[in-house]
Amino acid sequence: MLRRIIVIFLVLAVGAFAAFFASLNPAVIPLDLAFGEIQVPLTLVLVVCLALGWILGLLSASFMIFRMLAQRRTLRRSLLLAEKEIENLRTMSLAGTGGGSSSPQREKRD
C-alpha cells in the first residue's frame, strides 16, 4: 500500500514538474524529419523523446527480466526435485535401519 502511494506521488510530482517546465518554455521549434519540416512546440518534442526513451528502456529491461523469470522457474523446479529426493532418502533411511543406528558397524578381524 505504501509503495503504491509513493509511486502515485512520484508520478504526480513528475507531471507537475513537466507542466511547470512546459509553461516556462512555450517556444515553437522547427523539426526536420528528412522528408519535410514541421513546427512543433518544444515541450511536445521533449515529452515525446522522454516517452520514447522510457519505452525503449522498459523493452531492454524486459528481456533481462523475462530471462531471470525463466531462470527462476527452472531453479524452483530443481529445488522441488531436490526436496522430494531428500524426503525419499529420509524415508528410505528410516525404513532401512530397523530401529538401530543409521551407520553399519564393521566386523573386527583378529
PDB file of N, CA and C in Angstrom:
ATOM      1  N   MET A   1       0.824  -1.192   0.000  1.00  0.00           N
ATOM      2  CA  MET A   1       0.000   0.000   0.000  1.00  0.00           C
ATOM      3  C   MET A   1       0.868   1.256   0.000  1.00  0.00           C
ATOM      4  N   LEU A   2       1.895   1.242   0.859  1.00  0.00           N
ATOM      5  CA  LEU A   2       2.791   2.397   0.937  1.00  0.00           C
ATOM      6  C   LEU A   2       3.541   2.587  -0.381  1.00  0.00           C
ATOM      7  N   ARG A   3       3.917   1.469  -0.994  1.00  0.00           N
ATOM      8  CA  ARG A   3       4.638   1.553  -2.270  1.00  0.00           C
ATOM      9  C   ARG A   3       3.758   2.210  -3.334  1.00  0.00           C
ATOM     10  N   ARG A   4       2.485   1.845  -3.366  1.00  0.00           N
ATOM     11  CA  ARG A   4       1.565   2.418  -4.343  1.00  0.00           C
ATOM     12  C   ARG A   4       1.413   3.923  -4.122  1.00  0.00           C
ATOM     13  N   ILE A   5       1.339   4.338  -2.872  1.00  0.00           N
ATOM     14  CA  ILE A   5       1.217   5.771  -2.559  1.00  0.00           C
ATOM     15  C   ILE A   5       2.456   6.523  -3.015  1.00  0.00           C
ATOM     16  N   ILE A   6       3.622   5.932  -2.789  1.00  0.00           N
ATOM     17  CA  ILE A   6       4.878   6.577  -3.197  1.00  0.00           C
ATOM     18  C   ILE A   6       4.940   6.698  -4.719  1.00  0.00           C
ATOM     19  N   VAL A   7       4.538   5.643  -5.436  1.00  0.00           N
ATOM     20  CA  VAL A   7       4.554   5.684  -6.901  1.00  0.00           C
ATOM     21  C   VAL A   7       3.586   6.749  -7.413  1.00  0.00           C
ATOM     22  N   ILE A   8       2.395   6.802  -6.846  1.00  0.00           N
ATOM     23  CA  ILE A   8       1.410   7.817  -7.259  1.00  0.00           C
ATOM     24  C   ILE A   8       1.958   9.214  -6.992  1.00  0.00           C
ATOM     25  N   PHE A   9       2.577   9.410  -5.841  1.00  0.00           N
ATOM     26  CA  PHE A   9       3.156  10.713  -5.508  1.00  0.00           C
ATOM     27  C   PHE A   9       4.254  11.086  -6.504  1.00  0.00           C
ATOM     28  N   LEU A  10       5.126  10.133  -6.849  1.00  0.00           N
ATOM     29  CA  LEU A  10       6.199  10.424  -7.801  1.00  0.00           C
ATOM     30  C   LEU A  10       5.651  10.764  -9.188  1.00  0.00           C
ATOM     31  N   VAL A  11       4.628  10.043  -9.619  1.00  0.00           N
ATOM     32  CA  VAL A  11       4.024  10.326 -10.935  1.00  0.00           C
ATOM     33  C   VAL A  11       3.411  11.724 -10.937  1.00  0.00           C
ATOM     34  N   LEU A  12       2.709  12.066  -9.872  1.00  0.00           N
ATOM     35  CA  LEU A  12       2.120  13.409  -9.782  1.00  0.00           C
ATOM     36  C   LEU A  12       3.197  14.488  -9.723  1.00  0.00           C
ATOM     37  N   ALA A  13       4.280  14.236  -9.006  1.00  0.00           N
ATOM     38  CA  ALA A  13       5.367  15.211  -8.916  1.00  0.00           C
ATOM     39  C   ALA A  13       6.026  15.419 -10.279  1.00  0.00           C
ATOM     40  N   VAL A  14       6.255  14.329 -11.008  1.00  0.00           N
ATOM     41  CA  VAL A  14       6.857  14.452 -12.345  1.00  0.00           C
ATOM     42  C   VAL A  14       5.903  15.177 -13.283  1.00  0.00           C
ATOM     43  N   GLY A  15       4.615  14.865 -13.189  1.00  0.00           N
ATOM     44  CA  GLY A  15       3.621  15.555 -14.016  1.00  0.00           C
ATOM     45  C   GLY A  15       3.567  17.045 -13.721  1.00  0.00           C
ATOM     46  N   ALA A  16       3.623  17.405 -12.435  1.00  0.00           N
ATOM     47  CA  ALA A  16       3.618  18.820 -12.055  1.00  0.00           C
ATOM     48  C   ALA A  16       4.871  19.512 -12.560  1.00  0.00           C
ATOM     49  N   PHE A  17       6.004  18.838 -12.455  1.00  0.00           N
ATOM     50  CA  PHE A  17       7.254  19.417 -12.943  1.00  0.00           C
ATOM     51  C   PHE A  17       7.197  19.608 -14.456  1.00  0.00           C
ATOM     52  N   ALA A  18       6.632  18.631 -15.168  1.00  0.00           N
ATOM     53  CA  ALA A  18       6.511  18.738 -16.627  1.00  0.00           C
ATOM     54  C   ALA A  18       5.594  19.895 -17.016  1.00  0.00           C
ATOM     55  N   ALA A  19       4.501  20.064 -16.293  1.00  0.00           N
ATOM     56  CA  ALA A  19       3.582  21.178 -16.592  1.00  0.00           C
ATOM     57  C   ALA A  19       4.263  22.516 -16.322  1.00  0.00           C
ATOM     58  N   PHE A  20       5.021  22.601 -15.242  1.00  0.00           N
ATOM     59  CA  PHE A  20       5.753  23.825 -14.925  1.00  0.00           C
ATOM     60  C   PHE A  20       6.795  24.113 -15.999  1.00  0.00           C
ATOM     61  N   PHE A  21       7.511  23.067 -16.423  1.00  0.00           N
ATOM     62  CA  PHE A  21       8.529  23.226 -17.460  1.00  0.00           C
ATOM     63  C   PHE A  21       7.890  23.659 -18.776  1.00  0.00           C
ATOM     64  N   ALA A  22       6.731  23.096 -19.095  1.00  0.00           N
ATOM     65  CA  ALA A  22       6.035  23.455 -20.333  1.00  0.00           C
ATOM     66  C   ALA A  22       5.596  24.910 -20.307  1.00  0.00           C
ATOM     67  N   SER A  23       5.176  25.399 -19.151  1.00  0.00           N
ATOM     68  CA  SER A  23       4.744  26.797 -19.076  1.00  0.00           C
ATOM     69  C   SER A  23       5.928  27.753 -19.198  1.00  0.00           C
ATOM     70  N   LEU A  24       7.113  27.315 -18.819  1.00  0.00           N
ATOM     71  CA  LEU A  24       8.300  28.166 -18.943  1.00  0.00           C
ATOM     72  C   LEU A  24       8.892  28.163 -20.354  1.00  0.00           C
ATOM     73  N   ASN A  25       8.561  27.141 -21.160  1.00  0.00           N
ATOM     74  CA  ASN A  25       9.126  27.012 -22.496  1.00  0.00           C
ATOM     75  C   ASN A  25       8.026  26.897 -23.550  1.00  0.00           C
ATOM     76  N   PRO A  26       7.354  27.983 -23.872  1.00  0.00           N
ATOM     77  CA  PRO A  26       6.270  27.924 -24.858  1.00  0.00           C
ATOM     78  C   PRO A  26       6.762  28.033 -26.303  1.00  0.00           C
ATOM     79  N   ALA A  27       8.057  27.968 -26.520  1.00  0.00           N
ATOM     80  CA  ALA A  27       8.614  28.177 -27.860  1.00  0.00           C
ATOM     81  C   ALA A  27       8.207  27.073 -28.828  1.00  0.00           C
ATOM     82  N   VAL A  28       8.130  27.443 -30.090  1.00  0.00           N
ATOM     83  CA  VAL A  28       7.864  26.501 -31.173  1.00  0.00           C
ATOM     84  C   VAL A  28       9.150  26.373 -31.966  1.00  0.00           C
ATOM     85  N   ILE A  29       9.576  25.134 -32.218  1.00  0.00           N
ATOM     86  CA  ILE A  29      10.841  24.916 -32.920  1.00  0.00           C
ATOM     87  C   ILE A  29      10.577  24.171 -34.224  1.00  0.00           C
ATOM     88  N   PRO A  30      11.430  24.409 -35.238  1.00  0.00           N
ATOM     89  CA  PRO A  30      11.296  23.628 -36.473  1.00  0.00           C
ATOM     90  C   PRO A  30      11.915  22.246 -36.278  1.00  0.00           C
ATOM     91  N   LEU A  31      11.216  21.225 -36.728  1.00  0.00           N
ATOM     92  CA  LEU A  31      11.710  19.853 -36.608  1.00  0.00           C
ATOM     93  C   LEU A  31      11.838  19.281 -38.015  1.00  0.00           C
ATOM     94  N   ASP A  32      13.075  18.974 -38.412  1.00  0.00           N
ATOM     95  CA  ASP A  32      13.347  18.433 -39.742  1.00  0.00           C
ATOM     96  C   ASP A  32      13.237  16.918 -39.687  1.00  0.00           C
ATOM     97  N   LEU A  33      12.313  16.359 -40.472  1.00  0.00           N
ATOM     98  CA  LEU A  33      12.073  14.916 -40.486  1.00  0.00           C
ATOM     99  C   LEU A  33      12.676  14.235 -41.707  1.00  0.00           C
ATOM    100  N   ALA A  34      13.590  14.861 -42.381  1.00  0.00           N
ATOM    101  CA  ALA A  34      14.285  14.375 -43.571  1.00  0.00           C
ATOM    102  C   ALA A  34      13.397  14.397 -44.812  1.00  0.00           C
ATOM    103  N   PHE A  35      12.085  14.284 -44.682  1.00  0.00           N
ATOM    104  CA  PHE A  35      11.186  14.381 -45.834  1.00  0.00           C
ATOM    105  C   PHE A  35      10.317  15.626 -45.741  1.00  0.00           C
ATOM    106  N   GLY A  36      10.508  16.384 -44.697  1.00  0.00           N
ATOM    107  CA  GLY A  36       9.758  17.618 -44.520  1.00  0.00           C
ATOM    108  C   GLY A  36      10.098  18.263 -43.192  1.00  0.00           C
ATOM    109  N   GLU A  37       9.667  19.480 -43.057  1.00  0.00           N
ATOM    110  CA  GLU A  37       9.940  20.212 -41.815  1.00  0.00           C
ATOM    111  C   GLU A  37       8.611  20.652 -41.224  1.00  0.00           C
ATOM    112  N   ILE A  38       8.472  20.464 -39.906  1.00  0.00           N
ATOM    113  CA  ILE A  38       7.239  20.866 -39.227  1.00  0.00           C
ATOM    114  C   ILE A  38       7.594  21.752 -38.033  1.00  0.00           C
ATOM    115  N   GLN A  39       6.638  22.559 -37.643  1.00  0.00           N
ATOM    116  CA  GLN A  39       6.796  23.414 -36.474  1.00  0.00           C
ATOM    117  C   GLN A  39       6.121  22.716 -35.285  1.00  0.00           C
ATOM    118  N   VAL A  40       6.889  22.473 -34.233  1.00  0.00           N
ATOM    119  CA  VAL A  40       6.388  21.716 -33.084  1.00  0.00           C
ATOM    120  C   VAL A  40       6.754  22.459 -31.806  1.00  0.00           C
ATOM    121  N   PRO A  41       5.871  22.456 -30.811  1.00  0.00           N
ATOM    122  CA  PRO A  41       6.232  23.056 -29.521  1.00  0.00           C
ATOM    123  C   PRO A  41       7.390  22.284 -28.877  1.00  0.00           C
ATOM    124  N   LEU A  42       8.291  23.014 -28.283  1.00  0.00           N
ATOM    125  CA  LEU A  42       9.465  22.423 -27.642  1.00  0.00           C
ATOM    126  C   LEU A  42       9.054  21.400 -26.585  1.00  0.00           C
ATOM    127  N   THR A  43       8.014  21.699 -25.844  1.00  0.00           N
ATOM    128  CA  THR A  43       7.553  20.801 -24.792  1.00  0.00           C
ATOM    129  C   THR A  43       7.110  19.461 -25.368  1.00  0.00           C
ATOM    130  N   LEU A  44       6.411  19.491 -26.492  1.00  0.00           N
ATOM    131  CA  LEU A  44       5.963  18.254 -27.118  1.00  0.00           C
ATOM    132  C   LEU A  44       7.154  17.400 -27.558  1.00  0.00           C
ATOM    133  N   VAL A  45       8.164  18.042 -28.130  1.00  0.00           N
ATOM    134  CA  VAL A  45       9.366  17.316 -28.553  1.00  0.00           C
ATOM    135  C   VAL A  45      10.027  16.650 -27.352  1.00  0.00           C
ATOM    136  N   LEU A  46      10.166  17.372 -26.256  1.00  0.00           N
ATOM    137  CA  LEU A  46      10.805  16.810 -25.069  1.00  0.00           C
ATOM    138  C   LEU A  46       9.982  15.675 -24.460  1.00  0.00           C
ATOM    139  N   VAL A  47       8.665  15.834 -24.429  1.00  0.00           N
ATOM    140  CA  VAL A  47       7.806  14.784 -23.870  1.00  0.00           C
ATOM    141  C   VAL A  47       7.865  13.527 -24.736  1.00  0.00           C
ATOM    142  N   VAL A  48       7.840  13.692 -26.053  1.00  0.00           N
ATOM    143  CA  VAL A  48       7.915  12.542 -26.949  1.00  0.00           C
ATOM    144  C   VAL A  48       9.262  11.841 -26.802  1.00  0.00           C
ATOM    145  N   CYS A  49      10.342  12.599 -26.715  1.00  0.00           N
ATOM    146  CA  CYS A  49      11.668  11.997 -26.531  1.00  0.00           C
ATOM    147  C   CYS A  49      11.757  11.267 -25.189  1.00  0.00           C
ATOM    148  N   LEU A  50      11.202  11.849 -24.153  1.00  0.00           N
ATOM    149  CA  LEU A  50      11.193  11.208 -22.842  1.00  0.00           C
ATOM    150  C   LEU A  50      10.381   9.914 -22.886  1.00  0.00           C
ATOM    151  N   ALA A  51       9.215   9.946 -23.526  1.00  0.00           N
ATOM    152  CA  ALA A  51       8.367   8.760 -23.613  1.00  0.00           C
ATOM    153  C   ALA A  51       9.046   7.659 -24.421  1.00  0.00           C
ATOM    154  N   LEU A  52       9.668   8.008 -25.548  1.00  0.00           N
ATOM    155  CA  LEU A  52      10.374   7.011 -26.350  1.00  0.00           C
ATOM    156  C   LEU A  52      11.537   6.401 -25.574  1.00  0.00           C
ATOM    157  N   GLY A  53      12.271   7.222 -24.867  1.00  0.00           N
ATOM    158  CA  GLY A  53      13.368   6.711 -24.044  1.00  0.00           C
ATOM    159  C   GLY A  53      12.876   5.779 -22.955  1.00  0.00           C
ATOM    160  N   TRP A  54      11.755   6.134 -22.346  1.00  0.00           N
ATOM    161  CA  TRP A  54      11.174   5.307 -21.288  1.00  0.00           C
ATOM    162  C   TRP A  54      10.725   3.958 -21.853  1.00  0.00           C
ATOM    163  N   ILE A  55      10.067   3.990 -23.010  1.00  0.00           N
ATOM    164  CA  ILE A  55       9.590   2.752 -23.628  1.00  0.00           C
ATOM    165  C   ILE A  55      10.754   1.864 -24.050  1.00  0.00           C
ATOM    166  N   LEU A  56      11.778   2.458 -24.656  1.00  0.00           N
ATOM    167  CA  LEU A  56      12.945   1.670 -25.060  1.00  0.00           C
ATOM    168  C   LEU A  56      13.670   1.101 -23.843  1.00  0.00           C
ATOM    169  N   GLY A  57      13.740   1.856 -22.764  1.00  0.00           N
ATOM    170  CA  GLY A  57      14.343   1.350 -21.529  1.00  0.00           C
ATOM    171  C   GLY A  57      13.562   0.181 -20.959  1.00  0.00           C
ATOM    172  N   LEU A  58      12.234   0.276 -20.974  1.00  0.00           N
ATOM    173  CA  LEU A  58      11.404  -0.835 -20.494  1.00  0.00           C
ATOM    174  C   LEU A  58      11.584  -2.070 -21.366  1.00  0.00           C
ATOM    175  N   LEU A  59      11.650  -1.870 -22.682  1.00  0.00           N
ATOM    176  CA  LEU A  59      11.840  -3.006 -23.580  1.00  0.00           C
ATOM    177  C   LEU A  59      13.177  -3.691 -23.346  1.00  0.00           C
ATOM    178  N   SER A  60      14.227  -2.910 -23.205  1.00  0.00           N
ATOM    179  CA  SER A  60      15.539  -3.512 -22.989  1.00  0.00           C
ATOM    180  C   SER A  60      15.614  -4.194 -21.620  1.00  0.00           C
ATOM    181  N   ALA A  61      14.964  -3.634 -20.618  1.00  0.00           N
ATOM    182  CA  ALA A  61      14.958  -4.262 -19.301  1.00  0.00           C
ATOM    183  C   ALA A  61      14.063  -5.490 -19.272  1.00  0.00           C
ATOM    184  N   SER A  62      13.014  -5.505 -20.088  1.00  0.00           N
ATOM    185  CA  SER A  62      12.084  -6.634 -20.064  1.00  0.00           C
ATOM    186  C   SER A  62      12.753  -7.916 -20.538  1.00  0.00           C
ATOM    187  N   PHE A  63      13.681  -7.833 -21.476  1.00  0.00           N
ATOM    188  CA  PHE A  63      14.384  -9.031 -21.924  1.00  0.00           C
ATOM    189  C   PHE A  63      15.142  -9.661 -20.755  1.00  0.00           C
ATOM    190  N   MET A  64      15.817  -8.840 -19.985  1.00  0.00           N
ATOM    191  CA  MET A  64      16.557  -9.350 -18.835  1.00  0.00           C
ATOM    192  C   MET A  64      15.600  -9.888 -17.771  1.00  0.00           C
ATOM    193  N   ILE A  65      14.490  -9.215 -17.568  1.00  0.00           N
ATOM    194  CA  ILE A  65      13.524  -9.652 -16.570  1.00  0.00           C
ATOM    195  C   ILE A  65      12.913 -10.992 -16.973  1.00  0.00           C
ATOM    196  N   PHE A  66      12.540 -11.152 -18.245  1.00  0.00           N
ATOM    197  CA  PHE A  66      11.968 -12.419 -18.705  1.00  0.00           C
ATOM    198  C   PHE A  66      12.984 -13.551 -18.582  1.00  0.00           C
ATOM    199  N   ARG A  67      14.251 -13.264 -18.878  1.00  0.00           N
ATOM    200  CA  ARG A  67      15.285 -14.280 -18.744  1.00  0.00           C
ATOM    201  C   ARG A  67      15.458 -14.686 -17.276  1.00  0.00           C
ATOM    202  N   MET A  68      15.411 -13.713 -16.383  1.00  0.00           N
ATOM    203  CA  MET A  68      15.536 -14.021 -14.960  1.00  0.00           C
ATOM    204  C   MET A  68      14.317 -14.797 -14.449  1.00  0.00           C
ATOM    205  N   LEU A  69      13.134 -14.482 -14.945  1.00  0.00           N
ATOM    206  CA  LEU A  69      11.933 -15.219 -14.539  1.00  0.00           C
ATOM    207  C   LEU A  69      12.002 -16.678 -15.012  1.00  0.00           C
ATOM    208  N   ALA A  70      12.488 -16.891 -16.220  1.00  0.00           N
ATOM    209  CA  ALA A  70      12.644 -18.255 -16.727  1.00  0.00           C
ATOM    210  C   ALA A  70      13.671 -19.022 -15.893  1.00  0.00           C
ATOM    211  N   GLN A  71      14.762 -18.360 -15.551  1.00  0.00           N
ATOM    212  CA  GLN A  71      15.784 -18.988 -14.714  1.00  0.00           C
ATOM    213  C   GLN A  71      15.212 -19.305 -13.328  1.00  0.00           C
ATOM    214  N   ARG A  72      14.399 -18.423 -12.817  1.00  0.00           N
ATOM    215  CA  ARG A  72      13.767 -18.642 -11.507  1.00  0.00           C
ATOM    216  C   ARG A  72      12.850 -19.866 -11.537  1.00  0.00           C
ATOM    217  N   ARG A  73      12.058 -20.010 -12.623  1.00  0.00           N
ATOM    218  CA  ARG A  73      11.198 -21.182 -12.752  1.00  0.00           C
ATOM    219  C   ARG A  73      12.019 -22.465 -12.785  1.00  0.00           C
ATOM    220  N   THR A  74      13.121 -22.451 -13.533  1.00  0.00           N
ATOM    221  CA  THR A  74      13.989 -23.620 -13.619  1.00  0.00           C
ATOM    222  C   THR A  74      14.577 -23.961 -12.251  1.00  0.00           C
ATOM    223  N   LEU A  75      15.029 -22.949 -11.543  1.00  0.00           N
ATOM    224  CA  LEU A  75      15.607 -23.186 -10.219  1.00  0.00           C
ATOM    225  C   LEU A  75      14.566 -23.690  -9.234  1.00  0.00           C
ATOM    226  N   ARG A  76      13.340 -23.200  -9.319  1.00  0.00           N
ATOM    227  CA  ARG A  76      12.280 -23.694  -8.431  1.00  0.00           C
ATOM    228  C   ARG A  76      11.972 -25.154  -8.711  1.00  0.00           C
ATOM    229  N   ARG A  77      11.932 -25.543  -9.991  1.00  0.00           N
ATOM    230  CA  ARG A  77      11.709 -26.950 -10.328  1.00  0.00           C
ATOM    231  C   ARG A  77      12.833 -27.816  -9.775  1.00  0.00           C
ATOM    232  N   SER A  78      14.070 -27.353  -9.933  1.00  0.00           N
ATOM    233  CA  SER A  78      15.214 -28.103  -9.411  1.00  0.00           C
ATOM    234  C   SER A  78      15.135 -28.227  -7.896  1.00  0.00           C
ATOM    235  N   LEU A  79      14.738 -27.158  -7.241  1.00  0.00           N
ATOM    236  CA  LEU A  79      14.603 -27.183  -5.792  1.00  0.00           C
ATOM    237  C   LEU A  79      13.530 -28.173  -5.353  1.00  0.00           C
ATOM    238  N   LEU A  80      12.390 -28.176  -6.033  1.00  0.00           N
ATOM    239  CA  LEU A  80      11.328 -29.123  -5.685  1.00  0.00           C
ATOM    240  C   LEU A  80      11.790 -30.565  -5.883  1.00  0.00           C
ATOM    241  N   LEU A  81      12.492 -30.838  -6.976  1.00  0.00           N
ATOM    242  CA  LEU A  81      13.005 -32.184  -7.202  1.00  0.00           C
ATOM    243  C   LEU A  81      14.010 -32.587  -6.129  1.00  0.00           C
ATOM    244  N   ALA A  82      14.888 -31.652  -5.748  1.00  0.00           N
ATOM    245  CA  ALA A  82      15.875 -31.941  -4.710  1.00  0.00           C
ATOM    246  C   ALA A  82      15.194 -32.183  -3.366  1.00  0.00           C
ATOM    247  N   GLU A  83      14.160 -31.403  -3.047  1.00  0.00           N
ATOM    248  CA  GLU A  83      13.449 -31.608  -1.793  1.00  0.00           C
ATOM    249  C   GLU A  83      12.733 -32.948  -1.779  1.00  0.00           C
ATOM    250  N   LYS A  84      12.137 -33.357  -2.904  1.00  0.00           N
ATOM    251  CA  LYS A  84      11.493 -34.665  -2.985  1.00  0.00           C
ATOM    252  C   LYS A  84      12.515 -35.782  -2.814  1.00  0.00           C
ATOM    253  N   GLU A  85      13.677 -35.618  -3.435  1.00  0.00           N
ATOM    254  CA  GLU A  85      14.719 -36.632  -3.318  1.00  0.00           C
ATOM    255  C   GLU A  85      15.212 -36.739  -1.883  1.00  0.00           C
ATOM    256  N   ILE A  86      15.386 -35.622  -1.220  1.00  0.00           N
ATOM    257  CA  ILE A  86      15.803 -35.638   0.184  1.00  0.00           C
ATOM    258  C   ILE A  86      14.755 -36.332   1.043  1.00  0.00           C
ATOM    259  N   GLU A  87      13.488 -36.028   0.803  1.00  0.00           N
ATOM    260  CA  GLU A  87      12.412 -36.655   1.576  1.00  0.00           C
ATOM    261  C   GLU A  87      12.389 -38.166   1.331  1.00  0.00           C
ATOM    262  N   ASN A  88      12.573 -38.585   0.073  1.00  0.00           N
ATOM    263  CA  ASN A  88      12.632 -40.016  -0.238  1.00  0.00           C
ATOM    264  C   ASN A  88      13.806 -40.684   0.451  1.00  0.00           C
ATOM    265  N   LEU A  89      14.964 -40.037   0.441  1.00  0.00           N
ATOM    266  CA  LEU A  89      16.138 -40.605   1.107  1.00  0.00           C
ATOM    267  C   LEU A  89      15.919 -40.701   2.611  1.00  0.00           C
ATOM    268  N   ARG A  90      15.263 -39.748   3.200  1.00  0.00           N
ATOM    269  CA  ARG A  90      14.994 -39.794   4.637  1.00  0.00           C
ATOM    270  C   ARG A  90      14.055 -40.947   4.970  1.00  0.00           C
ATOM    271  N   THR A  91      13.015 -41.114   4.172  1.00  0.00           N
ATOM    272  CA  THR A  91      12.079 -42.209   4.464  1.00  0.00           C
ATOM    273  C   THR A  91      12.735 -43.556   4.217  1.00  0.00           C
ATOM    274  N   MET A  92      13.588 -43.680   3.207  1.00  0.00           N
ATOM    275  CA  MET A  92      14.310 -44.929   2.962  1.00  0.00           C
ATOM    276  C   MET A  92      15.268 -45.222   4.100  1.00  0.00           C
ATOM    277  N   SER A  93      15.934 -44.200   4.603  1.00  0.00           N
ATOM    278  CA  SER A  93      16.890 -44.361   5.687  1.00  0.00           C
ATOM    279  C   SER A  93      16.194 -44.826   6.952  1.00  0.00           C
ATOM    280  N   LEU A  94      15.041 -44.269   7.254  1.00  0.00           N
ATOM    281  CA  LEU A  94      14.296 -44.655   8.453  1.00  0.00           C
ATOM    282  C   LEU A  94      13.734 -46.060   8.312  1.00  0.00           C
ATOM    283  N   ALA A  95      13.282 -46.434   7.129  1.00  0.00           N
ATOM    284  CA  ALA A  95      12.710 -47.760   6.920  1.00  0.00           C
ATOM    285  C   ALA A  95      13.787 -48.834   6.889  1.00  0.00           C
ATOM    286  N   GLY A  96      14.959 -48.509   6.415  1.00  0.00           N
ATOM    287  CA  GLY A  96      16.030 -49.487   6.277  1.00  0.00           C
ATOM    288  C   GLY A  96      16.819 -49.736   7.544  1.00  0.00           C
ATOM    289  N   THR A  97      16.726 -48.909   8.542  1.00  0.00           N
ATOM    290  CA  THR A  97      17.545 -49.062   9.749  1.00  0.00           C
ATOM    291  C   THR A  97      16.961 -50.080  10.701  1.00  0.00           C
ATOM    292  N   GLY A  98      15.687 -50.282  10.695  1.00  0.00           N
ATOM    293  CA  GLY A  98      15.084 -51.244  11.589  1.00  0.00           C
ATOM    294  C   GLY A  98      15.144 -50.804  13.036  1.00  0.00           C
ATOM    295  N   GLY A  99      15.248 -49.554  13.268  1.00  0.00           N
ATOM    296  CA  GLY A  99      15.259 -49.034  14.633  1.00  0.00           C
ATOM    297  C   GLY A  99      16.646 -48.932  15.228  1.00  0.00           C
ATOM    298  N   GLY A 100      17.657 -49.440  14.556  1.00  0.00           N
ATOM    299  CA  GLY A 100      19.016 -49.382  15.075  1.00  0.00           C
ATOM    300  C   GLY A 100      19.705 -48.101  14.676  1.00  0.00           C
ATOM    301  N   SER A 101      21.029 -48.068  14.811  1.00  0.00           N
ATOM    302  CA  SER A 101      21.783 -46.883  14.413  1.00  0.00           C
ATOM    303  C   SER A 101      21.822 -46.792  12.901  1.00  0.00           C
ATOM    304  N   SER A 102      22.037 -45.621  12.402  1.00  0.00           N
ATOM    305  CA  SER A 102      21.974 -45.422  10.965  1.00  0.00           C
ATOM    306  C   SER A 102      23.246 -45.811  10.255  1.00  0.00           C
ATOM    307  N   SER A 103      24.355 -46.034  10.967  1.00  0.00           N
ATOM    308  CA  SER A 103      25.600 -46.426  10.306  1.00  0.00           C
ATOM    309  C   SER A 103      25.956 -47.864  10.655  1.00  0.00           C
ATOM    310  N   PRO A 104      26.257 -48.677   9.662  1.00  0.00           N
ATOM    311  CA  PRO A 104      26.621 -50.085   9.944  1.00  0.00           C
ATOM    312  C   PRO A 104      27.967 -50.168  10.647  1.00  0.00           C
ATOM    313  N   GLN A 105      28.090 -51.132  11.517  1.00  0.00           N
ATOM    314  CA  GLN A 105      29.354 -51.321  12.241  1.00  0.00           C
ATOM    315  C   GLN A 105      30.215 -52.322  11.490  1.00  0.00           C
ATOM    316  N   ARG A 106      31.516 -52.105  11.538  1.00  0.00           N
ATOM    317  CA  ARG A 106      32.453 -53.012  10.876  1.00  0.00           C
ATOM    318  C   ARG A 106      32.710 -54.232  11.760  1.00  0.00           C
ATOM    319  N   GLU A 107      32.971 -55.327  11.078  1.00  0.00           N
ATOM    320  CA  GLU A 107      33.333 -56.520  11.821  1.00  0.00           C
ATOM    321  C   GLU A 107      34.806 -56.430  12.175  1.00  0.00           C
ATOM    322  N   LYS A 108      35.149 -56.864  13.366  1.00  0.00           N
ATOM    323  CA  LYS A 108      36.558 -56.867  13.787  1.00  0.00           C
ATOM    324  C   LYS A 108      37.238 -58.135  13.302  1.00  0.00           C
ATOM    325  N   ARG A 109      38.444 -57.992  12.818  1.00  0.00           N
ATOM    326  CA  ARG A 109      39.238 -59.130  12.410  1.00  0.00           C
ATOM    327  C   ARG A 109      40.291 -59.377  13.472  1.00  0.00           C
ATOM    328  N   ASP A 110      40.470 -60.607  13.819  1.00  0.00           N
ATOM    329  CA  ASP A 110      41.502 -60.957  14.829  1.00  0.00           C
ATOM    330  C   ASP A 110      42.808 -61.321  14.204  1.00  0.00           C
TER     331      ASP A 110
END
